Amino acid sequence: MATIRKRGRSWQVQVRHIGFPTRSKSFSSKAAAVAWAQAREREYAPIDDPVERSDGDGLTLGRLLQRYQVEITALKKGRVSENSRINNMLACPIAAVILHKIRPKHIAEYRNDRLRKVGPDTVRRELTILRHCFEIARKEWDLPISKNPVHDIRFPAPGLPREERLSNHDSVKLHKEIEALRNKIITSVIIFAIETGMRRGEILSLEWRDIDLAKGTARLHQTKNGRPRTVPLTPRAISELSRMKKDGKLVFPVSANAVHLCWIRVRSRAGLGRLRFHDLRHEAISRFFELGLTMPEVALISGHRDTKMLMRYTHIRPENVSQKLAKLAEAADY
């Protein structure tokens, strides 16, 4: 939706669309402002041209990806990150290729070019978007695509899983920094992440009605896989919730961006290098296993339905296993 306002001697245009950042520009004449606004809105509009719908002549992959952004990506929970990936794809030469001329070799060339610039996991995510885009166009948009070209190329092997863990020394430094934060809500968010293994979005979506301190549980309604789950809480997590004020319906009334920016500062001050906020989820899941929880019990907490993915999040310290072996051997008089 475009909004045009007169500001002094210039005309300011703002174009908003669900799932996309606001775009704005100023012009010396109203006619130029209207023309620019109409051009931007056409970029977001679904393809209604009967020629493009019937035989696809002249339709480029870039135009197809733009339609996918509007009709598919905009409805996803992860639309912000997916829009960013698609925008990167739109800047690549393959976006200018006419749709009916695209062959697996074009996709393979795109894959190889991207692997020279970004990691394999990034390329896998982009290829997954491309594959789904072709499937939607073929099955739902009635475009003349007889076969999905992405099906005939090899995906890069997944990158090695991240193995960052908090050492005892790092944990002390981290807690020292977060306890010094002025915003105590973010302090609680970070502690809660370490104690529960929840994702940042899951933590920030929690409402007080979802918390049952008597049972020691938190009910998550908004999850990555769309399946609600009830998470058992550690004593530290329960203690943290018990001391918090219940102002409003949200347990943690703070924005995701505020948490992100604060985490970068905390990480720098604590000297934690590349440790990401999401790595706290890896840390929590690894600790659950080290405490002796079974795989079904950890999966109940983390929400993983795929044991392979759960294991990618698990990084048991070898020294802990060595100590456990020593105790078992001593008990068995081995």
C-alpha atoms as a PDB file:
ATOM      1  CA  MET A   1       0.000   0.000   0.000  1.00  0.00           C
ATOM      2  CA  ALA A   2       1.423   3.388  -1.021  1.00  0.00           C
ATOM      3  CA  THR A   3       1.109   6.633   0.950  1.00  0.00           C
ATOM      4  CA  ILE A   4       2.022   9.944  -0.702  1.00  0.00           C
ATOM      5  CA  ARG A   5       2.464  13.118   1.363  1.00  0.00           C
ATOM      6  CA  LYS A   6       3.530  16.679   0.569  1.00  0.00           C
ATOM      7  CA  ARG A   7       6.526  17.626   2.715  1.00  0.00           C
ATOM      8  CA  GLY A   8       7.612  21.202   2.079  1.00  0.00           C
ATOM      9  CA  ARG A   9       8.585  21.408  -1.581  1.00  0.00           C
ATOM     10  CA  SER A  10       8.894  17.656  -2.095  1.00  0.00           C
ATOM     11  CA  TRP A  11       6.556  14.674  -2.285  1.00  0.00           C
ATOM     12  CA  GLN A  12       7.351  11.751   0.009  1.00  0.00           C
ATOM     13  CA  VAL A  13       6.235   8.211  -0.859  1.00  0.00           C
ATOM     14  CA  GLN A  14       6.049   5.232   1.488  1.00  0.00           C
ATOM     15  CA  VAL A  15       5.195   1.756   0.215  1.00  0.00           C
ATOM     16  CA  ARG A  16       4.254  -0.891   2.772  1.00  0.00           C
ATOM     17  CA  HIS A  17       3.528  -4.563   2.223  1.00  0.00           C
ATOM     18  CA  ILE A  18       3.126  -7.427   4.680  1.00  0.00           C
ATOM     19  CA  GLY A  19       6.356  -9.360   5.047  1.00  0.00           C
ATOM     20  CA  PHE A  20       8.540  -6.669   3.457  1.00  0.00           C
ATOM     21  CA  PRO A  21      10.414  -3.661   4.877  1.00  0.00           C
ATOM     22  CA  THR A  22       8.875  -0.230   4.260  1.00  0.00           C
ATOM     23  CA  ARG A  23      10.318   1.520   1.207  1.00  0.00           C
ATOM     24  CA  SER A  24      10.344   5.316   0.923  1.00  0.00           C
ATOM     25  CA  LYS A  25      11.614   8.013  -1.418  1.00  0.00           C
ATOM     26  CA  SER A  26      11.135  11.733  -2.054  1.00  0.00           C
ATOM     27  CA  PHE A  27      10.408  13.460  -5.389  1.00  0.00           C
ATOM     28  CA  SER A  28      10.165  17.035  -6.602  1.00  0.00           C
ATOM     29  CA  SER A  29       6.821  16.381  -8.374  1.00  0.00           C
ATOM     30  CA  LYS A  30       3.705  14.461  -7.474  1.00  0.00           C
ATOM     31  CA  ALA A  31       3.611  12.767 -10.887  1.00  0.00           C
ATOM     32  CA  ALA A  32       7.058  11.265 -10.322  1.00  0.00           C
ATOM     33  CA  ALA A  33       6.047  10.134  -6.841  1.00  0.00           C
ATOM     34  CA  VAL A  34       2.903   8.417  -8.137  1.00  0.00           C
ATOM     35  CA  ALA A  35       4.826   6.692 -10.928  1.00  0.00           C
ATOM     36  CA  TRP A  36       7.424   5.367  -8.505  1.00  0.00           C
ATOM     37  CA  ALA A  37       4.754   4.146  -6.090  1.00  0.00           C
ATOM     38  CA  GLN A  38       2.874   2.335  -8.855  1.00  0.00           C
ATOM     39  CA  ALA A  39       6.079   0.675 -10.043  1.00  0.00           C
ATOM     40  CA  ARG A  40       6.884  -0.580  -6.522  1.00  0.00           C
ATOM     41  CA  GLU A  41       3.348  -1.905  -6.004  1.00  0.00           C
ATOM     42  CA  ARG A  42       3.571  -3.824  -9.269  1.00  0.00           C
ATOM     43  CA  GLU A  43       6.617  -5.602  -7.872  1.00  0.00           C
ATOM     44  CA  TYR A  44       4.508  -6.909  -4.989  1.00  0.00           C
ATOM     45  CA  ALA A  45       1.407  -7.676  -7.025  1.00  0.00           C
ATOM     46  CA  PRO A  46       0.569 -11.307  -7.921  1.00  0.00           C
ATOM     47  CA  ILE A  47       1.082 -12.174 -11.572  1.00  0.00           C
ATOM     48  CA  ASP A  48      -2.270 -11.761 -13.275  1.00  0.00           C
ATOM     49  CA  ASP A  49      -1.031 -11.467 -16.825  1.00  0.00           C
ATOM     50  CA  PRO A  50      -2.783 -14.209 -18.820  1.00  0.00           C
ATOM     51  CA  VAL A  51       0.254 -14.621 -21.032  1.00  0.00           C
ATOM     52  CA  GLU A  52       2.466 -15.323 -18.054  1.00  0.00           C
ATOM     53  CA  ARG A  53      -0.147 -17.614 -16.550  1.00  0.00           C
ATOM     54  CA  SER A  54      -0.753 -19.574 -19.741  1.00  0.00           C
ATOM     55  CA  ASP A  55       2.626 -20.186 -21.347  1.00  0.00           C
ATOM     56  CA  GLY A  56       5.164 -18.298 -19.229  1.00  0.00           C
ATOM     57  CA  ASP A  57       6.806 -16.570 -22.238  1.00  0.00           C
ATOM     58  CA  GLY A  58       9.011 -13.742 -20.949  1.00  0.00           C
ATOM     59  CA  LEU A  59       8.559 -14.697 -17.291  1.00  0.00           C
ATOM     60  CA  THR A  60      11.932 -14.719 -15.529  1.00  0.00           C
ATOM     61  CA  LEU A  61      12.925 -16.675 -12.453  1.00  0.00           C
ATOM     62  CA  GLY A  62      13.324 -13.365 -10.648  1.00  0.00           C
ATOM     63  CA  ARG A  63       9.708 -12.437 -11.352  1.00  0.00           C
ATOM     64  CA  LEU A  64       8.612 -15.858 -10.172  1.00  0.00           C
ATOM     65  CA  LEU A  65      10.576 -15.460  -6.934  1.00  0.00           C
ATOM     66  CA  GLN A  66       8.967 -12.050  -6.353  1.00  0.00           C
ATOM     67  CA  ARG A  67       5.531 -13.597  -6.664  1.00  0.00           C
ATOM     68  CA  TYR A  68       6.629 -16.339  -4.268  1.00  0.00           C
ATOM     69  CA  GLN A  69       7.674 -13.638  -1.786  1.00  0.00           C
ATOM     70  CA  VAL A  70       4.252 -12.028  -1.913  1.00  0.00           C
ATOM     71  CA  GLU A  71       2.034 -15.107  -1.900  1.00  0.00           C
ATOM     72  CA  ILE A  72       4.062 -17.704   0.027  1.00  0.00           C
ATOM     73  CA  THR A  73       6.907 -16.170   2.026  1.00  0.00           C
ATOM     74  CA  ALA A  74       4.716 -13.416   3.480  1.00  0.00           C
ATOM     75  CA  LEU A  75       2.627 -16.084   5.247  1.00  0.00           C
ATOM     76  CA  LYS A  76       5.589 -17.819   6.924  1.00  0.00           C
ATOM     77  CA  LYS A  77       6.812 -17.222  10.452  1.00  0.00           C
ATOM     78  CA  GLY A  78      10.366 -16.912   9.155  1.00  0.00           C
ATOM     79  CA  ARG A  79       9.428 -14.458   6.411  1.00  0.00           C
ATOM     80  CA  VAL A  80      12.029 -11.854   7.386  1.00  0.00           C
ATOM     81  CA  SER A  81      15.010 -14.193   6.980  1.00  0.00           C
ATOM     82  CA  GLU A  82      13.504 -15.857   3.901  1.00  0.00           C
ATOM     83  CA  ASN A  83      12.890 -12.490   2.243  1.00  0.00           C
ATOM     84  CA  SER A  84      16.533 -11.653   2.845  1.00  0.00           C
ATOM     85  CA  ARG A  85      17.628 -14.901   1.183  1.00  0.00           C
ATOM     86  CA  ILE A  86      15.359 -14.357  -1.801  1.00  0.00           C
ATOM     87  CA  ASN A  87      16.600 -10.783  -2.211  1.00  0.00           C
ATOM     88  CA  ASN A  88      20.138 -12.175  -2.395  1.00  0.00           C
ATOM     89  CA  MET A  89      18.977 -14.646  -5.044  1.00  0.00           C
ATOM     90  CA  LEU A  90      17.338 -11.849  -7.037  1.00  0.00           C
ATOM     91  CA  ALA A  91      20.729 -10.147  -7.298  1.00  0.00           C
ATOM     92  CA  CYS A  92      22.268 -13.238  -8.968  1.00  0.00           C
ATOM     93  CA  PRO A  93      22.436 -13.733 -12.778  1.00  0.00           C
ATOM     94  CA  ILE A  94      20.056 -16.707 -12.639  1.00  0.00           C
ATOM     95  CA  ALA A  95      17.197 -14.336 -11.720  1.00  0.00           C
ATOM     96  CA  ALA A  96      17.286 -12.914 -15.266  1.00  0.00           C
ATOM     97  CA  VAL A  97      16.916 -16.313 -16.969  1.00  0.00           C
ATOM     98  CA  ILE A  98      13.584 -16.911 -18.733  1.00  0.00           C
ATOM     99  CA  LEU A  99      11.644 -19.496 -16.765  1.00  0.00           C
ATOM    100  CA  HIS A 100      10.950 -21.953 -19.579  1.00  0.00           C
ATOM    101  CA  LYS A 101      14.657 -21.976 -20.492  1.00  0.00           C
ATOM    102  CA  ILE A 102      15.924 -22.942 -17.048  1.00  0.00           C
ATOM    103  CA  ARG A 103      17.597 -26.349 -16.896  1.00  0.00           C
ATOM    104  CA  PRO A 104      19.349 -28.225 -14.076  1.00  0.00           C
ATOM    105  CA  LYS A 105      22.683 -26.905 -15.396  1.00  0.00           C
ATOM    106  CA  HIS A 106      21.584 -23.343 -14.551  1.00  0.00           C
ATOM    107  CA  ILE A 107      20.771 -24.391 -10.984  1.00  0.00           C
ATOM    108  CA  ALA A 108      24.101 -26.225 -10.710  1.00  0.00           C
ATOM    109  CA  GLU A 109      25.992 -23.150 -11.939  1.00  0.00           C
ATOM    110  CA  TYR A 110      24.120 -21.020  -9.391  1.00  0.00           C
ATOM    111  CA  ARG A 111      25.001 -23.527  -6.629  1.00  0.00           C
ATOM    112  CA  ASN A 112      28.694 -23.573  -7.545  1.00  0.00           C
ATOM    113  CA  ASP A 113      28.893 -19.787  -7.761  1.00  0.00           C
ATOM    114  CA  ARG A 114      27.238 -19.326  -4.380  1.00  0.00           C
ATOM    115  CA  LEU A 115      29.511 -21.908  -2.732  1.00  0.00           C
ATOM    116  CA  ARG A 116      32.452 -19.685  -3.616  1.00  0.00           C
ATOM    117  CA  LYS A 117      30.864 -16.858  -1.621  1.00  0.00           C
ATOM    118  CA  VAL A 118      28.849 -18.384   1.246  1.00  0.00           C
ATOM    119  CA  GLY A 119      28.751 -21.562   3.318  1.00  0.00           C
ATOM    120  CA  PRO A 120      27.059 -24.831   2.294  1.00  0.00           C
ATOM    121  CA  ASP A 121      24.194 -24.458   4.765  1.00  0.00           C
ATOM    122  CA  THR A 122      23.268 -21.076   3.281  1.00  0.00           C
ATOM    123  CA  VAL A 123      23.272 -22.558  -0.220  1.00  0.00           C
ATOM    124  CA  ARG A 124      21.144 -25.502   0.931  1.00  0.00           C
ATOM    125  CA  ARG A 125      18.535 -23.101   2.347  1.00  0.00           C
ATOM    126  CA  GLU A 126      18.465 -21.095  -0.881  1.00  0.00           C
ATOM    127  CA  LEU A 127      18.107 -24.232  -3.004  1.00  0.00           C
ATOM    128  CA  THR A 128      15.282 -25.402  -0.740  1.00  0.00           C
ATOM    129  CA  ILE A 129      13.435 -22.129  -1.408  1.00  0.00           C
ATOM    130  CA  LEU A 130      14.028 -22.516  -5.155  1.00  0.00           C
ATOM    131  CA  ARG A 131      12.784 -26.094  -5.106  1.00  0.00           C
ATOM    132  CA  HIS A 132       9.585 -25.157  -3.289  1.00  0.00           C
ATOM    133  CA  CYS A 133       9.078 -22.140  -5.568  1.00  0.00           C
ATOM    134  CA  PHE A 134       9.173 -24.375  -8.647  1.00  0.00           C
ATOM    135  CA  GLU A 135       6.797 -26.864  -7.021  1.00  0.00           C
ATOM    136  CA  ILE A 136       4.256 -24.156  -6.180  1.00  0.00           C
ATOM    137  CA  ALA A 137       4.517 -22.692  -9.699  1.00  0.00           C
ATOM    138  CA  ARG A 138       4.075 -26.130 -11.276  1.00  0.00           C
ATOM    139  CA  LYS A 139       1.273 -27.473  -9.078  1.00  0.00           C
ATOM    140  CA  GLU A 140      -0.678 -24.417  -7.930  1.00  0.00           C
ATOM    141  CA  TRP A 141       0.031 -21.592 -10.380  1.00  0.00           C
ATOM    142  CA  ASP A 142      -0.421 -23.677 -13.517  1.00  0.00           C
ATOM    143  CA  LEU A 143       2.808 -22.487 -15.099  1.00  0.00           C
ATOM    144  CA  PRO A 144       4.341 -24.610 -17.876  1.00  0.00           C
ATOM    145  CA  ILE A 145       6.974 -26.406 -15.784  1.00  0.00           C
ATOM    146  CA  SER A 146       7.018 -30.106 -16.580  1.00  0.00           C
ATOM    147  CA  LYS A 147       9.779 -30.973 -14.132  1.00  0.00           C
ATOM    148  CA  ASN A 148      11.377 -29.260 -11.161  1.00  0.00           C
ATOM    149  CA  PRO A 149      15.005 -28.554 -12.228  1.00  0.00           C
ATOM    150  CA  VAL A 150      16.209 -28.434  -8.619  1.00  0.00           C
ATOM    151  CA  HIS A 151      15.368 -32.134  -8.221  1.00  0.00           C
ATOM    152  CA  ASP A 152      18.122 -33.082 -10.654  1.00  0.00           C
ATOM    153  CA  ILE A 153      21.059 -31.392  -8.932  1.00  0.00           C
ATOM    154  CA  ARG A 154      23.123 -32.335  -5.895  1.00  0.00           C
ATOM    155  CA  PHE A 155      22.698 -30.303  -2.716  1.00  0.00           C
ATOM    156  CA  PRO A 156      25.934 -29.359  -0.932  1.00  0.00           C
ATOM    157  CA  ALA A 157      26.767 -31.538   2.053  1.00  0.00           C
ATOM    158  CA  PRO A 158      25.644 -29.912   5.312  1.00  0.00           C
ATOM    159  CA  GLY A 159      28.297 -27.928   7.125  1.00  0.00           C
ATOM    160  CA  LEU A 160      29.773 -29.217  10.349  1.00  0.00           C
ATOM    161  CA  PRO A 161      27.513 -28.590  13.360  1.00  0.00           C
ATOM    162  CA  ARG A 162      28.530 -25.797  15.681  1.00  0.00           C
ATOM    163  CA  GLU A 163      30.222 -27.135  18.808  1.00  0.00           C
ATOM    164  CA  GLU A 164      30.495 -23.993  20.890  1.00  0.00           C
ATOM    165  CA  ARG A 165      29.992 -24.714  24.588  1.00  0.00           C
ATOM    166  CA  LEU A 166      30.314 -22.541  27.659  1.00  0.00           C
ATOM    167  CA  SER A 167      33.269 -23.557  29.795  1.00  0.00           C
ATOM    168  CA  ASN A 168      32.927 -23.058  33.543  1.00  0.00           C
ATOM    169  CA  HIS A 169      35.125 -19.975  33.232  1.00  0.00           C
ATOM    170  CA  ASP A 170      33.049 -18.586  30.340  1.00  0.00           C
ATOM    171  CA  SER A 171      29.835 -19.280  32.240  1.00  0.00           C
ATOM    172  CA  VAL A 172      31.081 -17.249  35.210  1.00  0.00           C
ATOM    173  CA  LYS A 173      32.038 -14.331  32.932  1.00  0.00           C
ATOM    174  CA  LEU A 174      28.690 -14.488  31.119  1.00  0.00           C
ATOM    175  CA  HIS A 175      26.626 -14.444  34.298  1.00  0.00           C
ATOM    176  CA  LYS A 176      28.731 -11.583  35.651  1.00  0.00           C
ATOM    177  CA  GLU A 177      27.943  -9.506  32.565  1.00  0.00           C
ATOM    178  CA  ILE A 178      24.228 -10.278  32.401  1.00  0.00           C
ATOM    179  CA  GLU A 179      23.745  -9.582  36.106  1.00  0.00           C
ATOM    180  CA  ALA A 180      25.249  -6.125  35.489  1.00  0.00           C
ATOM    181  CA  LEU A 181      22.693  -5.293  32.801  1.00  0.00           C
ATOM    182  CA  ARG A 182      20.343  -2.399  33.488  1.00  0.00           C
ATOM    183  CA  ASN A 183      17.531  -4.166  31.663  1.00  0.00           C
ATOM    184  CA  LYS A 184      16.794  -7.033  34.046  1.00  0.00           C
ATOM    185  CA  ILE A 185      14.215  -8.463  31.665  1.00  0.00           C
ATOM    186  CA  ILE A 186      16.971  -9.279  29.181  1.00  0.00           C
ATOM    187  CA  THR A 187      18.999 -10.749  32.043  1.00  0.00           C
ATOM    188  CA  SER A 188      16.085 -13.102  32.689  1.00  0.00           C
ATOM    189  CA  VAL A 189      15.723 -13.888  28.964  1.00  0.00           C
ATOM    190  CA  ILE A 190      19.350 -15.060  28.735  1.00  0.00           C
ATOM    191  CA  ILE A 191      19.115 -17.115  31.932  1.00  0.00           C
ATOM    192  CA  PHE A 192      15.859 -18.640  30.711  1.00  0.00           C
ATOM    193  CA  ALA A 193      17.475 -19.581  27.377  1.00  0.00           C
ATOM    194  CA  ILE A 194      20.296 -21.428  29.140  1.00  0.00           C
ATOM    195  CA  GLU A 195      17.919 -23.170  31.528  1.00  0.00           C
ATOM    196  CA  THR A 196      15.202 -24.240  29.069  1.00  0.00           C
ATOM    197  CA  GLY A 197      16.790 -24.498  25.619  1.00  0.00           C
ATOM    198  CA  MET A 198      13.945 -22.430  24.164  1.00  0.00           C
ATOM    199  CA  ARG A 199      14.459 -20.374  21.032  1.00  0.00           C
ATOM    200  CA  ARG A 200      14.475 -16.594  21.388  1.00  0.00           C
ATOM    201  CA  GLY A 201      11.094 -16.237  19.662  1.00  0.00           C
ATOM    202  CA  GLU A 202       9.562 -18.918  21.878  1.00  0.00           C
ATOM    203  CA  ILE A 203      10.783 -17.181  25.027  1.00  0.00           C
ATOM    204  CA  LEU A 204       9.483 -13.786  23.946  1.00  0.00           C
ATOM    205  CA  SER A 205       6.069 -15.239  23.024  1.00  0.00           C
ATOM    206  CA  LEU A 206       5.457 -16.626  26.523  1.00  0.00           C
ATOM    207  CA  GLU A 207       2.504 -15.183  28.428  1.00  0.00           C
ATOM    208  CA  TRP A 208       1.913 -15.494  32.160  1.00  0.00           C
ATOM    209  CA  ARG A 209      -1.128 -17.655  31.484  1.00  0.00           C
ATOM    210  CA  ASP A 210       1.275 -20.175  29.909  1.00  0.00           C
ATOM    211  CA  ILE A 211       3.278 -20.533  33.131  1.00  0.00           C
ATOM    212  CA  ASP A 212       2.370 -23.044  35.847  1.00  0.00           C
ATOM    213  CA  LEU A 213       4.858 -22.599  38.670  1.00  0.00           C
ATOM    214  CA  ALA A 214       3.140 -25.248  40.810  1.00  0.00           C
ATOM    215  CA  LYS A 215       3.750 -27.895  38.136  1.00  0.00           C
ATOM    216  CA  GLY A 216       7.000 -26.307  36.992  1.00  0.00           C
ATOM    217  CA  THR A 217       5.996 -26.043  33.343  1.00  0.00           C
ATOM    218  CA  ALA A 218       5.680 -23.495  30.536  1.00  0.00           C
ATOM    219  CA  ARG A 219       3.302 -23.987  27.606  1.00  0.00           C
ATOM    220  CA  LEU A 220       4.571 -22.861  24.214  1.00  0.00           C
ATOM    221  CA  HIS A 221       1.927 -22.097  21.594  1.00  0.00           C
ATOM    222  CA  GLN A 222       4.192 -20.453  18.985  1.00  0.00           C
ATOM    223  CA  THR A 223       6.947 -22.862  17.965  1.00  0.00           C
ATOM    224  CA  LYS A 224       9.131 -23.274  14.886  1.00  0.00           C
ATOM    225  CA  ASN A 225       7.409 -26.476  13.724  1.00  0.00           C
ATOM    226  CA  GLY A 226       3.947 -25.159  14.584  1.00  0.00           C
ATOM    227  CA  ARG A 227       3.325 -27.836  17.239  1.00  0.00           C
ATOM    228  CA  PRO A 228       2.619 -26.514  20.750  1.00  0.00           C
ATOM    229  CA  ARG A 229       4.593 -28.151  23.556  1.00  0.00           C
ATOM    230  CA  THR A 230       4.810 -28.024  27.333  1.00  0.00           C
ATOM    231  CA  VAL A 231       8.340 -27.495  28.619  1.00  0.00           C
ATOM    232  CA  PRO A 232       9.380 -28.712  32.091  1.00  0.00           C
ATOM    233  CA  LEU A 233      11.352 -26.037  33.924  1.00  0.00           C
ATOM    234  CA  THR A 234      14.548 -26.313  35.931  1.00  0.00           C
ATOM    235  CA  PRO A 235      14.628 -25.018  39.529  1.00  0.00           C
ATOM    236  CA  ARG A 236      16.697 -22.015  38.356  1.00  0.00           C
ATOM    237  CA  ALA A 237      14.118 -21.166  35.676  1.00  0.00           C
ATOM    238  CA  ILE A 238      11.280 -21.429  38.220  1.00  0.00           C
ATOM    239  CA  SER A 239      13.208 -19.222  40.641  1.00  0.00           C
ATOM    240  CA  GLU A 240      13.788 -16.630  37.920  1.00  0.00           C
ATOM    241  CA  LEU A 241      10.075 -16.527  37.058  1.00  0.00           C
ATOM    242  CA  SER A 242       9.046 -16.360  40.712  1.00  0.00           C
ATOM    243  CA  ARG A 243      10.974 -13.161  41.352  1.00  0.00           C
ATOM    244  CA  MET A 244       9.703 -11.359  38.228  1.00  0.00           C
ATOM    245  CA  LYS A 245       6.901  -8.801  38.286  1.00  0.00           C
ATOM    246  CA  LYS A 246       3.735  -9.691  36.412  1.00  0.00           C
ATOM    247  CA  ASP A 247       3.250  -6.459  34.474  1.00  0.00           C
ATOM    248  CA  GLY A 248       1.034  -7.155  31.469  1.00  0.00           C
ATOM    249  CA  LYS A 249       0.391 -10.470  29.735  1.00  0.00           C
ATOM    250  CA  LEU A 250       3.899 -11.109  28.368  1.00  0.00           C
ATOM    251  CA  VAL A 251       6.448 -12.721  30.657  1.00  0.00           C
ATOM    252  CA  PHE A 252       9.321 -10.983  28.880  1.00  0.00           C
ATOM    253  CA  PRO A 253       8.026  -7.657  27.435  1.00  0.00           C
ATOM    254  CA  VAL A 254      11.030  -6.845  25.269  1.00  0.00           C
ATOM    255  CA  SER A 255      11.675  -6.903  21.507  1.00  0.00           C
ATOM    256  CA  ALA A 256      13.737  -9.516  19.683  1.00  0.00           C
ATOM    257  CA  ASN A 257      16.017  -6.797  18.311  1.00  0.00           C
ATOM    258  CA  ALA A 258      16.685  -5.429  21.796  1.00  0.00           C
ATOM    259  CA  VAL A 259      17.720  -8.917  22.931  1.00  0.00           C
ATOM    260  CA  HIS A 260      19.924  -9.334  19.854  1.00  0.00           C
ATOM    261  CA  LEU A 261      21.741  -6.024  20.319  1.00  0.00           C
ATOM    262  CA  CYS A 262      22.169  -6.564  24.046  1.00  0.00           C
ATOM    263  CA  TRP A 263      23.519 -10.080  23.470  1.00  0.00           C
ATOM    264  CA  ILE A 264      26.194  -8.732  21.096  1.00  0.00           C
ATOM    265  CA  ARG A 265      27.360  -6.306  23.798  1.00  0.00           C
ATOM    266  CA  VAL A 266      27.319  -8.964  26.514  1.00  0.00           C
ATOM    267  CA  ARG A 267      29.201 -11.430  24.316  1.00  0.00           C
ATOM    268  CA  SER A 268      31.875  -8.840  23.550  1.00  0.00           C
ATOM    269  CA  ARG A 269      32.342  -7.797  27.171  1.00  0.00           C
ATOM    270  CA  ALA A 270      32.521 -11.406  28.339  1.00  0.00           C
ATOM    271  CA  GLY A 271      34.998 -12.299  25.591  1.00  0.00           C
ATOM    272  CA  LEU A 272      32.840 -15.132  24.208  1.00  0.00           C
ATOM    273  CA  GLY A 273      33.993 -14.752  20.609  1.00  0.00           C
ATOM    274  CA  ARG A 274      31.515 -16.127  18.035  1.00  0.00           C
ATOM    275  CA  LEU A 275      28.992 -17.498  20.532  1.00  0.00           C
ATOM    276  CA  ARG A 276      25.491 -16.753  19.215  1.00  0.00           C
ATOM    277  CA  PHE A 277      22.346 -16.426  21.274  1.00  0.00           C
ATOM    278  CA  HIS A 278      21.021 -19.545  19.527  1.00  0.00           C
ATOM    279  CA  ASP A 279      24.095 -21.441  20.769  1.00  0.00           C
ATOM    280  CA  LEU A 280      22.574 -21.195  24.249  1.00  0.00           C
ATOM    281  CA  ARG A 281      20.015 -23.709  22.978  1.00  0.00           C
ATOM    282  CA  HIS A 282      22.871 -26.082  22.090  1.00  0.00           C
ATOM    283  CA  GLU A 283      24.318 -25.501  25.553  1.00  0.00           C
ATOM    284  CA  ALA A 284      21.035 -26.251  27.320  1.00  0.00           C
ATOM    285  CA  ILE A 285      20.342 -29.433  25.335  1.00  0.00           C
ATOM    286  CA  SER A 286      23.873 -30.709  25.967  1.00  0.00           C
ATOM    287  CA  ARG A 287      23.459 -30.052  29.693  1.00  0.00           C
ATOM    288  CA  PHE A 288      20.185 -31.986  29.758  1.00  0.00           C
ATOM    289  CA  PHE A 289      21.949 -35.062  28.388  1.00  0.00           C
ATOM    290  CA  GLU A 290      24.838 -34.603  30.820  1.00  0.00           C
ATOM    291  CA  LEU A 291      22.321 -34.538  33.668  1.00  0.00           C
ATOM    292  CA  GLY A 292      21.218 -38.011  32.572  1.00  0.00           C
ATOM    293  CA  LEU A 293      17.961 -37.257  30.759  1.00  0.00           C
ATOM    294  CA  THR A 294      16.956 -39.728  28.064  1.00  0.00           C
ATOM    295  CA  MET A 295      16.556 -38.803  24.406  1.00  0.00           C
ATOM    296  CA  PRO A 296      12.712 -38.789  24.599  1.00  0.00           C
ATOM    297  CA  GLU A 297      12.891 -36.537  27.675  1.00  0.00           C
ATOM    298  CA  VAL A 298      15.248 -34.062  25.994  1.00  0.00           C
ATOM    299  CA  ALA A 299      13.135 -34.115  22.814  1.00  0.00           C
ATOM    300  CA  LEU A 300      10.084 -33.287  24.969  1.00  0.00           C
ATOM    301  CA  ILE A 301      11.892 -30.164  26.185  1.00  0.00           C
ATOM    302  CA  SER A 302      13.511 -29.092  22.902  1.00  0.00           C
ATOM    303  CA  GLY A 303      10.609 -29.943  20.596  1.00  0.00           C
ATOM    304  CA  HIS A 304      12.791 -31.890  18.145  1.00  0.00           C
ATOM    305  CA  ARG A 305      10.921 -34.565  16.196  1.00  0.00           C
ATOM    306  CA  ASP A 306      14.007 -35.697  14.288  1.00  0.00           C
ATOM    307  CA  THR A 307      16.644 -37.463  16.385  1.00  0.00           C
ATOM    308  CA  LYS A 308      19.358 -36.605  13.836  1.00  0.00           C
ATOM    309  CA  MET A 309      18.691 -32.904  14.271  1.00  0.00           C
ATOM    310  CA  LEU A 310      18.589 -33.331  18.050  1.00  0.00           C
ATOM    311  CA  MET A 311      22.031 -34.920  17.945  1.00  0.00           C
ATOM    312  CA  ARG A 312      23.362 -31.962  15.910  1.00  0.00           C
ATOM    313  CA  TYR A 313      22.376 -29.798  18.885  1.00  0.00           C
ATOM    314  CA  THR A 314      24.128 -32.090  21.365  1.00  0.00           C
ATOM    315  CA  HIS A 315      27.787 -31.603  22.245  1.00  0.00           C
ATOM    316  CA  ILE A 316      28.731 -33.767  25.214  1.00  0.00           C
ATOM    317  CA  ARG A 317      32.077 -32.871  26.744  1.00  0.00           C
ATOM    318  CA  PRO A 318      34.493 -35.822  26.321  1.00  0.00           C
ATOM    319  CA  GLU A 319      36.082 -35.081  29.716  1.00  0.00           C
ATOM    320  CA  ASN A 320      32.691 -35.556  31.383  1.00  0.00           C
ATOM    321  CA  VAL A 321      32.280 -38.919  29.695  1.00  0.00           C
ATOM    322  CA  SER A 322      35.786 -39.884  30.848  1.00  0.00           C
ATOM    323  CA  GLN A 323      34.887 -39.054  34.451  1.00  0.00           C
ATOM    324  CA  LYS A 324      31.672 -41.052  34.142  1.00  0.00           C
ATOM    325  CA  LEU A 325      33.606 -44.039  32.777  1.00  0.00           C
ATOM    326  CA  ALA A 326      36.008 -43.814  35.678  1.00  0.00           C
ATOM    327  CA  LYS A 327      33.165 -43.890  38.214  1.00  0.00           C
ATOM    328  CA  LEU A 328      31.476 -46.808  36.482  1.00  0.00           C
ATOM    329  CA  ALA A 329      34.743 -48.721  36.295  1.00  0.00           C
ATOM    330  CA  GLU A 330      35.415 -48.078  39.992  1.00  0.00           C
ATOM    331  CA  ALA A 331      31.912 -49.214  40.935  1.00  0.00           C
ATOM    332  CA  ALA A 332      32.304 -52.391  38.898  1.00  0.00           C
ATOM    333  CA  ASP A 333      35.855 -52.956  40.217  1.00  0.00           C
ATOM    334  CA  TYR A 334      36.979 -53.090  36.587  1.00  0.00           C
END
